[in-house]
Protein backbone atom coordinates (compact mmCIF):
# COMPACT_ATOMS: atom_id res chain seq x y z
CA MET A 1 0.00 0.00 0.00
CA GLY A 2 0.94 3.67 -0.10
CA ASP A 3 2.51 6.38 2.01
CA LEU A 4 -0.46 8.26 3.51
CA SER A 5 -0.92 7.63 7.25
CA LEU A 6 -4.31 7.80 8.98
CA THR A 7 -3.46 11.29 10.21
CA GLN A 8 -2.65 12.43 6.69
CA ALA A 9 -5.74 10.75 5.25
CA VAL A 10 -7.96 12.48 7.83
CA ALA A 11 -6.27 15.77 6.95
CA MET A 12 -7.10 15.12 3.29
CA GLY A 13 -10.72 14.40 4.21
CA VAL A 14 -11.15 17.43 6.46
CA GLY A 15 -9.26 19.58 3.96
CA GLY A 16 -11.59 18.49 1.17
CA ILE A 17 -14.73 19.03 3.30
CA VAL A 18 -13.99 22.23 5.21
CA GLY A 19 -12.92 24.53 2.40
CA GLY A 20 -14.33 27.86 1.38
CA GLY A 21 -17.78 26.56 2.37
CA ILE A 22 -17.40 27.48 6.02
CA PHE A 23 -17.03 31.10 4.96
CA ALA A 24 -19.22 31.29 1.82
CA VAL A 25 -22.06 28.80 2.41
CA LEU A 26 -22.57 29.81 6.04
CA GLY A 27 -24.41 32.92 4.83
CA VAL A 28 -26.84 30.77 2.83
CA ALA A 29 -27.53 28.54 5.83
CA ALA A 30 -28.11 31.55 8.09
CA ARG A 31 -30.42 33.25 5.61
CA LEU A 32 -32.56 30.14 5.17
CA SER A 33 -32.40 28.61 8.66
CA GLY A 34 -31.77 31.54 10.99
CA ASN A 35 -30.37 30.48 14.36
CA ALA A 36 -30.94 26.83 13.46
CA ALA A 37 -28.18 26.94 10.82
CA PHE A 38 -26.13 24.70 13.11
CA LEU A 39 -28.92 22.11 12.90
CA THR A 40 -28.83 22.26 9.09
CA TYR A 41 -25.12 21.44 9.20
CA LEU A 42 -25.74 18.65 11.71
CA LEU A 43 -28.42 17.06 9.51
CA ALA A 44 -26.33 17.44 6.34
CA GLY A 45 -23.37 15.92 8.18
CA THR A 46 -25.53 12.96 9.20
CA VAL A 47 -26.55 12.38 5.56
CA ALA A 48 -22.87 12.62 4.56
CA LEU A 49 -21.93 10.08 7.27
CA LEU A 50 -24.54 7.60 6.01
CA SER A 51 -23.30 8.10 2.45
CA GLY A 52 -19.70 7.76 3.60
CA HIS A 53 -20.52 4.32 4.96
CA SER A 54 -21.91 3.33 1.55
CA TYR A 55 -18.80 4.69 -0.20
CA TYR A 56 -16.54 2.63 2.04
CA ARG A 57 -18.60 -0.55 1.56
CA MET A 58 -18.64 -0.23 -2.22
CA THR A 59 -14.89 0.52 -2.35
CA ALA A 60 -14.27 -2.59 -0.24
CA ALA A 61 -16.52 -4.62 -2.56
CA THR A 62 -14.84 -3.50 -5.79
CA HIS A 63 -11.27 -3.13 -4.43
CA GLU A 64 -10.75 -0.32 -6.92
CA GLU A 65 -10.14 3.40 -6.81
CA GLY A 66 -12.52 5.68 -8.67
CA GLY A 67 -15.38 6.06 -6.21
CA SER A 68 -18.87 6.45 -7.64
CA PHE A 69 -17.62 6.19 -11.23
CA THR A 70 -16.21 2.71 -10.51
CA PHE A 71 -19.29 1.61 -8.57
CA LEU A 72 -21.59 2.55 -11.43
CA GLU A 73 -19.33 0.79 -13.93
CA HIS A 74 -19.51 -2.41 -11.90
CA TYR A 75 -23.20 -2.45 -11.11
CA LEU A 76 -24.90 -0.86 -14.13
CA SER A 77 -25.17 -2.55 -17.50
CA ASN A 78 -25.01 0.79 -19.36
CA LYS A 79 -21.41 2.03 -19.30
CA ASN A 80 -22.47 5.36 -20.78
CA ILE A 81 -24.20 6.29 -17.53
CA ALA A 82 -20.98 5.77 -15.56
CA GLY A 83 -19.12 7.86 -18.14
CA VAL A 84 -21.60 10.72 -17.94
CA VAL A 85 -21.40 10.66 -14.14
CA GLY A 86 -17.60 10.74 -14.36
CA TRP A 87 -17.58 13.75 -16.68
CA VAL A 88 -20.14 15.57 -14.56
CA LEU A 89 -18.17 14.92 -11.38
CA LEU A 90 -14.96 16.10 -13.04
CA VAL A 91 -16.55 19.43 -14.01
CA GLY A 92 -18.02 19.68 -10.51
CA TYR A 93 -14.62 19.20 -8.88
CA ILE A 94 -12.94 21.71 -11.16
CA GLY A 95 -15.67 24.25 -10.45
CA THR A 96 -15.40 23.64 -6.71
CA MET A 97 -11.62 24.09 -6.79
CA ALA A 98 -12.10 27.29 -8.76
CA MET A 99 -14.45 28.50 -6.02
CA TYR A 100 -11.77 27.73 -3.42
CA ALA A 101 -9.14 29.51 -5.50
CA TYR A 102 -11.45 32.50 -5.97
CA ALA A 103 -12.04 32.63 -2.21
CA PHE A 104 -8.32 32.31 -1.45
CA GLY A 105 -7.51 35.11 -3.87
CA SER A 106 -10.25 37.29 -2.39
CA PHE A 107 -8.99 36.80 1.18
CA ALA A 108 -5.37 37.39 0.23
CA ALA A 109 -6.13 40.40 -1.96
CA GLY A 110 -8.27 41.90 0.81
CA LEU A 111 -5.29 41.86 3.15
CA PHE A 112 -3.55 44.24 0.74
CA GLY A 113 -6.59 46.42 0.08
CA PHE A 114 -7.58 44.95 -3.29
CA THR A 115 -11.08 43.84 -4.27
CA ALA A 116 -12.27 40.43 -5.48
CA GLU A 117 -12.66 41.89 -8.98
CA SER A 118 -9.05 43.08 -9.18
CA THR A 119 -6.27 41.62 -11.29
CA VAL A 120 -4.34 40.98 -8.07
CA ARG A 121 -7.08 38.57 -6.93
CA LYS A 122 -6.86 36.68 -10.22
CA LEU A 123 -3.09 36.41 -9.98
CA LEU A 124 -3.26 35.18 -6.39
CA SER A 125 -5.93 32.60 -7.31
CA SER A 126 -3.77 31.34 -10.17
CA SER A 127 -0.64 31.29 -8.02
CA ILE A 128 -2.10 29.12 -5.27
CA ILE A 129 -3.24 26.56 -7.84
CA ALA A 130 0.25 26.55 -9.38
CA VAL A 131 1.81 26.05 -5.93
CA PHE A 132 -0.28 22.94 -5.25
CA ILE A 133 0.28 21.52 -8.71
CA GLY A 134 3.96 21.66 -7.78
CA VAL A 135 3.40 20.13 -4.33
CA ASN A 136 1.32 17.30 -5.78
CA MET A 137 4.01 16.60 -8.38
CA LEU A 138 6.36 15.68 -5.51
CA GLY A 139 4.25 12.66 -4.53
CA ALA A 140 1.59 11.49 -2.10
CA ASP A 141 3.72 11.74 1.05
CA GLU A 142 4.73 15.35 0.40
CA THR A 143 1.12 16.25 -0.45
CA GLY A 144 -0.10 14.59 2.75
CA THR A 145 2.49 16.37 4.88
CA SER A 146 1.53 19.79 3.49
CA GLU A 147 -2.15 18.95 4.03
CA ASP A 148 -1.43 18.01 7.67
CA LEU A 149 0.10 21.41 8.30
CA LEU A 150 -2.67 23.40 6.58
CA VAL A 151 -5.60 21.49 8.03
CA TYR A 152 -4.56 21.16 11.64
CA ILE A 153 -3.57 24.82 11.97
CA LYS A 154 -6.92 25.76 10.42
CA VAL A 155 -8.86 23.44 12.73
CA LEU A 156 -6.95 24.72 15.76
CA ILE A 157 -7.69 28.38 14.98
CA LEU A 158 -11.38 27.77 14.28
CA SER A 159 -11.79 25.53 17.34
CA VAL A 160 -10.18 28.08 19.65
CA PHE A 161 -12.30 30.83 18.11
CA GLY A 162 -15.49 28.78 18.49
CA ALA A 163 -14.76 27.69 22.05
CA ALA A 164 -13.80 31.24 23.10
CA GLY A 165 -16.99 32.56 21.54
CA ILE A 166 -19.26 30.07 23.29
CA TRP A 167 -17.44 30.74 26.59
CA ALA A 168 -17.94 34.48 26.14
CA ILE A 169 -21.66 34.00 25.48
CA LEU A 170 -22.06 31.87 28.60
CA THR A 171 -20.04 34.13 30.92
CA ARG A 172 -20.44 37.72 29.70
CA SER A 173 -23.51 39.87 30.14
CA GLY A 174 -25.02 41.25 26.95
CA LEU A 175 -24.19 38.17 24.88
CA THR A 176 -26.85 35.49 24.40
CA LEU A 177 -26.89 32.11 22.70
CA PHE A 178 -29.75 32.11 20.18
CA GLU A 179 -31.33 35.30 21.52
CA GLN A 180 -34.53 34.87 19.49
CA GLY A 181 -34.68 31.12 20.01
CA VAL A 182 -33.30 28.27 17.92
CA PHE A 183 -36.23 28.11 15.50
CA ASN A 184 -36.65 31.84 14.87
CA HIS A 185 -37.30 31.05 11.18
CA GLY A 186 -39.55 28.08 11.97
CA VAL A 187 -39.04 24.33 12.28
CA LEU A 188 -39.00 23.39 8.59
CA PRO A 189 -36.37 25.87 7.21
CA PRO A 190 -33.37 24.03 8.78
CA ILE A 191 -34.46 20.90 6.93
CA MET A 192 -35.26 22.79 3.72
CA ALA A 193 -31.73 24.29 3.70
CA ILE A 194 -29.86 20.96 3.74
CA GLY A 195 -29.66 20.74 -0.04
CA ALA A 196 -28.45 24.32 -0.41
CA ILE A 197 -25.37 23.73 1.77
CA PHE A 198 -24.65 20.11 0.79
CA VAL A 199 -21.57 21.11 -1.23
CA SER A 200 -19.95 21.75 2.16
CA PHE A 201 -19.67 17.97 2.69
CA GLU A 202 -18.62 16.64 -0.72
CA GLY A 203 -14.92 16.33 0.06
CA PHE A 204 -14.89 12.98 1.88
CA GLN A 205 -15.49 11.00 -1.33
CA LEU A 206 -12.09 12.16 -2.60
CA LEU A 207 -10.58 9.65 -0.18
CA THR A 208 -11.98 6.75 -2.22
CA TYR A 209 -9.92 7.91 -5.21
CA GLU A 210 -6.68 7.57 -3.31
CA TYR A 211 -7.05 4.70 -0.85
CA ARG A 212 -4.22 2.77 -2.52
CA ASP A 213 -1.96 5.65 -1.50
CA MET A 214 -2.85 4.98 2.18
CA GLU A 215 -1.10 2.77 4.70
CA ASN A 216 -3.28 -0.31 5.36
CA GLY A 217 -5.56 0.65 2.48
CA LEU A 218 -9.23 -0.05 3.21
CA GLU A 219 -8.86 -0.05 7.00
CA THR A 220 -7.38 3.44 6.91
CA LEU A 221 -10.02 4.55 4.40
CA LYS A 222 -12.85 3.43 6.69
CA LYS A 223 -11.46 5.30 9.69
CA ALA A 224 -10.52 8.39 7.66
CA ILE A 225 -14.03 8.79 6.20
CA LEU A 226 -15.66 8.42 9.61
CA ILE A 227 -13.29 10.73 11.48
CA SER A 228 -13.13 13.44 8.80
CA ILE A 229 -16.93 13.72 8.48
CA ILE A 230 -17.50 13.77 12.25
CA LEU A 231 -14.71 16.30 12.86
CA SER A 232 -15.87 18.56 10.01
CA THR A 233 -19.50 18.41 11.13
CA ALA A 234 -18.56 19.30 14.71
CA LEU A 235 -16.56 22.28 13.45
CA TYR A 236 -19.41 23.48 11.20
CA VAL A 237 -21.95 23.16 14.03
CA LEU A 238 -19.75 25.07 16.48
CA ILE A 239 -19.00 27.95 14.10
CA ALA A 240 -22.60 28.17 12.85
CA ALA A 241 -24.01 28.29 16.40
CA LEU A 242 -21.59 31.04 17.40
CA THR A 243 -22.04 33.10 14.24
CA THR A 244 -25.85 33.10 14.20
CA SER A 245 -25.90 33.99 17.91
CA LEU A 246 -23.69 37.05 17.50
CA ALA A 247 -24.62 38.30 14.02
CA THR A 248 -27.92 38.76 12.23
CA PRO A 249 -28.53 37.02 8.86
CA THR A 250 -28.24 40.45 7.21
CA GLN A 251 -24.83 41.03 8.79
CA ILE A 252 -23.69 37.55 7.75
CA ILE A 253 -24.70 38.16 4.14
CA THR A 254 -23.27 41.70 4.15
CA HIS A 255 -19.88 40.72 5.55
CA LYS A 256 -19.75 37.45 3.55
CA GLU A 257 -16.24 35.96 3.79
CA THR A 258 -15.21 38.31 6.60
CA ILE A 259 -18.16 37.44 8.86
CA LEU A 260 -16.04 35.50 11.34
CA ALA A 261 -13.70 38.46 11.73
CA PHE A 262 -16.79 40.61 12.41
CA VAL A 263 -18.00 38.11 15.02
CA ALA A 264 -14.56 38.16 16.65
CA SER A 265 -15.02 41.87 17.30
CA LYS A 266 -18.10 41.04 19.38
CA VAL A 267 -16.57 38.09 21.20
CA PHE A 268 -13.56 39.90 22.59
CA ALA A 269 -13.99 43.05 24.62
CA SER A 270 -10.36 44.06 24.06
CA SER A 271 -9.72 45.76 20.73
CA PHE A 272 -6.24 44.20 20.68
CA ALA A 273 -7.64 40.70 21.20
CA SER A 274 -10.24 41.34 18.51
CA SER A 275 -7.56 42.46 16.06
CA VAL A 276 -5.39 39.43 16.79
CA MET A 277 -8.31 37.02 16.39
CA ALA A 278 -9.44 38.74 13.19
CA ALA A 279 -5.94 38.26 11.79
CA LEU A 280 -6.00 34.61 12.83
CA ILE A 281 -9.41 34.18 11.19
CA TYR A 282 -8.01 35.56 7.94
CA LEU A 283 -5.13 33.10 8.30
CA ALA A 284 -7.60 30.26 8.89
CA ALA A 285 -9.53 31.34 5.79
CA LEU A 286 -6.37 31.21 3.69
CA PHE A 287 -5.40 27.83 5.14
CA SER A 288 -8.96 26.55 4.72
CA THR A 289 -9.22 27.36 1.03
CA ALA A 290 -5.62 26.32 0.35
CA SER A 291 -6.05 22.93 2.01
CA ALA A 292 -9.28 22.37 0.07
CA ILE A 293 -7.49 23.09 -3.22
CA ASN A 294 -4.66 20.74 -2.26
CA ALA A 295 -6.94 17.85 -1.22
CA THR A 296 -9.34 18.22 -4.14
CA LEU A 297 -6.55 18.51 -6.71
CA PHE A 298 -4.90 15.39 -5.28
CA GLY A 299 -8.10 13.35 -5.47
CA THR A 300 -9.38 14.70 -8.78
CA ALA A 301 -6.12 13.94 -10.59
CA ARG A 302 -6.37 10.32 -9.48
CA PHE A 303 -10.04 10.21 -10.39
CA SER A 304 -9.35 11.41 -13.94
CA HIS A 305 -6.49 8.89 -14.18
CA LYS A 306 -8.95 6.11 -13.32
CA MET A 307 -11.43 7.38 -15.93
CA ALA A 308 -8.70 7.46 -18.60
CA SER A 309 -7.60 3.95 -17.65
CA ASP A 310 -11.17 2.84 -18.38
CA ASN A 311 -11.14 4.67 -21.72
CA GLU A 312 -13.58 7.38 -20.58
CA LEU A 313 -11.02 10.19 -20.99
CA PRO A 314 -8.12 10.66 -23.47
CA ASN A 315 -5.04 8.51 -22.76
CA VAL A 316 -2.99 11.54 -21.73
CA PHE A 317 -4.82 11.51 -18.38
CA SER A 318 -3.63 7.95 -17.67
CA PHE A 319 0.09 8.79 -17.60
CA ARG A 320 1.96 8.50 -14.27
CA ASN A 321 5.51 9.71 -13.69
CA LYS A 322 8.25 7.76 -11.88
CA LYS A 323 6.75 8.67 -8.49
CA GLY A 324 3.36 7.31 -9.51
CA VAL A 325 1.87 10.82 -9.80
CA PRO A 326 -0.67 11.41 -12.62
CA SER A 327 1.29 14.46 -13.70
CA TYR A 328 -0.52 15.28 -16.95
CA SER A 329 -3.86 15.03 -15.17
CA LEU A 330 -2.60 17.49 -12.56
CA LEU A 331 -1.45 19.96 -15.21
CA ILE A 332 -4.63 19.78 -17.29
CA ILE A 333 -7.03 19.93 -14.33
CA GLY A 334 -5.00 22.68 -12.67
CA SER A 335 -5.01 24.74 -15.87
CA LEU A 336 -8.78 24.36 -16.26
CA THR A 337 -9.22 25.41 -12.62
CA VAL A 338 -7.17 28.56 -13.27
CA LEU A 339 -9.39 29.34 -16.26
CA PHE A 340 -12.58 28.85 -14.24
CA SER A 341 -11.24 31.00 -11.38
CA PHE A 342 -11.00 33.96 -13.77
CA LEU A 343 -14.73 33.84 -14.42
CA GLY A 344 -15.91 35.21 -11.08
CA SER A 345 -17.64 33.89 -7.96
CA LEU A 346 -18.93 30.83 -9.87
CA GLU A 347 -22.33 30.55 -8.17
CA GLU A 348 -23.79 28.57 -11.08
CA ILE A 349 -20.95 26.06 -11.37
CA THR A 350 -20.69 25.46 -7.61
CA THR A 351 -24.46 24.98 -7.34
CA PHE A 352 -24.16 22.55 -10.25
CA ALA A 353 -21.50 20.74 -8.22
CA SER A 354 -23.81 20.58 -5.20
CA VAL A 355 -26.61 19.06 -7.28
CA THR A 356 -24.14 16.61 -8.81
CA PHE A 357 -22.81 15.39 -5.48
CA ILE A 358 -26.30 14.87 -4.06
CA VAL A 359 -27.43 12.87 -7.11
CA VAL A 360 -24.26 10.76 -7.10
CA PHE A 361 -24.49 10.11 -3.36
CA SER A 362 -28.07 8.94 -3.92
CA ALA A 363 -26.90 6.52 -6.62
CA VAL A 364 -24.12 5.11 -4.43
CA ASN A 365 -26.52 4.62 -1.52
CA TYR A 366 -28.91 2.82 -3.87
CA ILE A 367 -26.18 0.47 -5.11
CA ALA A 368 -25.08 -0.14 -1.51
CA LEU A 369 -28.67 -1.03 -0.61
CA LYS A 370 -28.90 -3.53 -3.49
CA GLU A 371 -25.61 -5.13 -2.48
CA ALA A 372 -26.18 -5.04 1.31
CA GLU A 373 -25.52 -8.41 2.94
CA ASN A 374 -27.23 -7.73 6.29
CA GLN A 375 -30.05 -5.69 7.82
CA ARG A 376 -27.72 -3.12 9.39
CA ASN A 377 -26.15 -2.19 6.07
CA LYS A 378 -29.58 -2.12 4.42
CA LEU A 379 -30.83 0.30 7.08
CA VAL A 380 -27.82 2.62 6.72
CA ALA A 381 -28.09 2.67 2.92
CA SER A 382 -31.87 3.22 3.07
CA LEU A 383 -31.46 6.19 5.41
CA GLY A 384 -28.76 7.50 3.10
CA ILE A 385 -31.18 7.32 0.15
CA ILE A 386 -33.91 9.13 2.10
CA GLY A 387 -31.44 11.85 3.13
CA THR A 388 -29.88 12.41 -0.29
CA VAL A 389 -33.09 12.21 -2.34
CA GLY A 390 -34.80 14.51 0.14
CA SER A 391 -31.86 16.95 -0.06
CA PHE A 392 -32.03 16.90 -3.85
CA LEU A 393 -35.74 17.71 -3.91
CA LEU A 394 -35.28 20.49 -1.37
CA LEU A 395 -32.38 22.00 -3.32
CA VAL A 396 -34.33 21.95 -6.60
CA ASN A 397 -37.24 23.62 -4.82
CA HIS A 398 -34.91 26.27 -3.38
CA LEU A 399 -33.45 26.99 -6.83
CA TYR A 400 -36.87 27.03 -8.51
CA VAL A 401 -38.18 29.58 -6.02
CA ASP A 402 -35.10 31.77 -5.46
CA LYS A 403 -32.76 31.23 -8.44
CA PRO A 404 -34.56 29.80 -11.49
CA GLN A 405 -31.78 30.99 -13.83
CA VAL A 406 -29.29 28.81 -11.95
CA LEU A 407 -31.63 25.83 -12.29
CA VAL A 408 -31.80 26.38 -16.06
CA PHE A 409 -27.99 26.64 -16.25
CA ILE A 410 -27.64 23.34 -14.38
CA ALA A 411 -30.10 21.56 -16.67
CA VAL A 412 -28.31 22.85 -19.78
CA LEU A 413 -24.86 21.87 -18.45
CA PHE A 414 -26.04 18.37 -17.51
CA SER A 415 -27.48 17.93 -21.00
CA ALA A 416 -24.33 19.25 -22.72
CA LEU A 417 -22.02 16.96 -20.73
CA GLY A 418 -24.27 13.99 -21.44
CA ILE A 419 -24.14 14.67 -25.18
CA LEU A 420 -20.37 15.24 -25.20
CA GLU A 421 -19.65 12.08 -23.23
CA THR A 422 -21.90 10.01 -25.48
CA LEU A 423 -20.14 11.38 -28.57
CA TYR A 424 -16.76 10.61 -26.99
CA PHE A 425 -17.80 7.09 -25.98
CA GLU A 426 -19.18 6.37 -29.46
CA ARG A 427 -16.29 8.11 -31.26
CA GLU A 428 -14.87 4.94 -32.85
CA GLY A 429 -18.24 4.00 -34.31
CA ILE A 430 -18.78 7.56 -35.55
CA GLU A 431 -15.32 7.63 -37.16
CA LYS A 432 -16.02 4.30 -38.85
CA ASP A 433 -19.38 5.54 -40.16
CA LEU A 434 -17.73 8.70 -41.52
CA GLU A 435 -15.05 6.64 -43.28
CA GLU A 436 -17.73 4.43 -44.86
CA LEU A 437 -19.63 7.54 -45.92
CA GLU A 438 -16.51 9.03 -47.51
CA ASP A 439 -15.81 5.75 -49.33
CA GLY A 440 -19.42 5.64 -50.50
CA ILE A 441 -19.27 9.08 -52.11
CA GLY A 442 -15.79 8.54 -53.52
CA LEU A 443 -13.79 10.75 -51.12
CA GLY A 444 -11.76 7.96 -49.55
């Protein structure tokens, strides 16, 4: 087996899960759920945990990397469906990485007084992608070590911030936990919002693309999925509870990425302490988005390598260098991510990614249910199906009501990728037909 220890694998999982979402998607959760945003994260984390169990079981059953793409290949008679899912996931990952790069560039540019629309932001976004292409080229161990450093510093800062904030609420007068009650927006909104923030939990499946790079393989994968989802969910719940207690939904949306720095100013009475914590929050934001880029790039390169090995992508993606790194995949995917990051905040493409992950998780849970060998596994997979299908329906409803243009964009992109993949899959037959046509009309 490979070089990644359990600690490094957990760092990859947490890095892939807790990316820019804790800063960007938190505003969506607060707007829809109010003070119960923490409950939305808890429910979404539970759905992710159920799905994570299905991902582990199907990886153990197939003994192959490739995650959902591989599962669908094994258990569906129509290979085109697996190919379409693979292409859709690949675009979703690239879009998600571009969102992380955009967020990183925005945070870093803001430190120097530049806006998210500035050329400086674009250069910083491109630079961080280039840095992690280089890191990943060094091999799995070096990538895991860098991820350890980024993730655990980020988790430490956010945990200290969250714990200090809750302590301040409980001990200082004038600060109240959920001042207007937990369900100030009602009981149903926290459930309705699950689909809208589901992209915050997609990162754990990246681990299934790289389990052969882990020490003890499947055993490490099982523990890494469990620990990374639980740790990430706990962090989301803590930060969401603190933020919605100390800032209104309007303030959260207004301050966007800097909302935690704003909350820090209310947690600490000392202006010096507030300034120090705000600086640390900015550092955590940079580490958060950077670690998400690193983890997602690592997993996506291996995913595309698997697709190419199964003839679902051009052969160039299947090349590995002497260290076993899919170097061409890294370069191509990294370059596409840079291109996407120049486009803007990418709301449409990241929402597309969220829809994609929910649909794919549903499919994996369904396959796990069909292949379950005992009642316990059947129950877990069934609950996973209920959670993911329910999340999908709620997200579609949210988009239909609030953002119909995004829903149209998603439908068009799904259709376009399906057509392109089908043409690619049938390319040999099409080429043969064209040659026969040319011969028939005397052009050959």
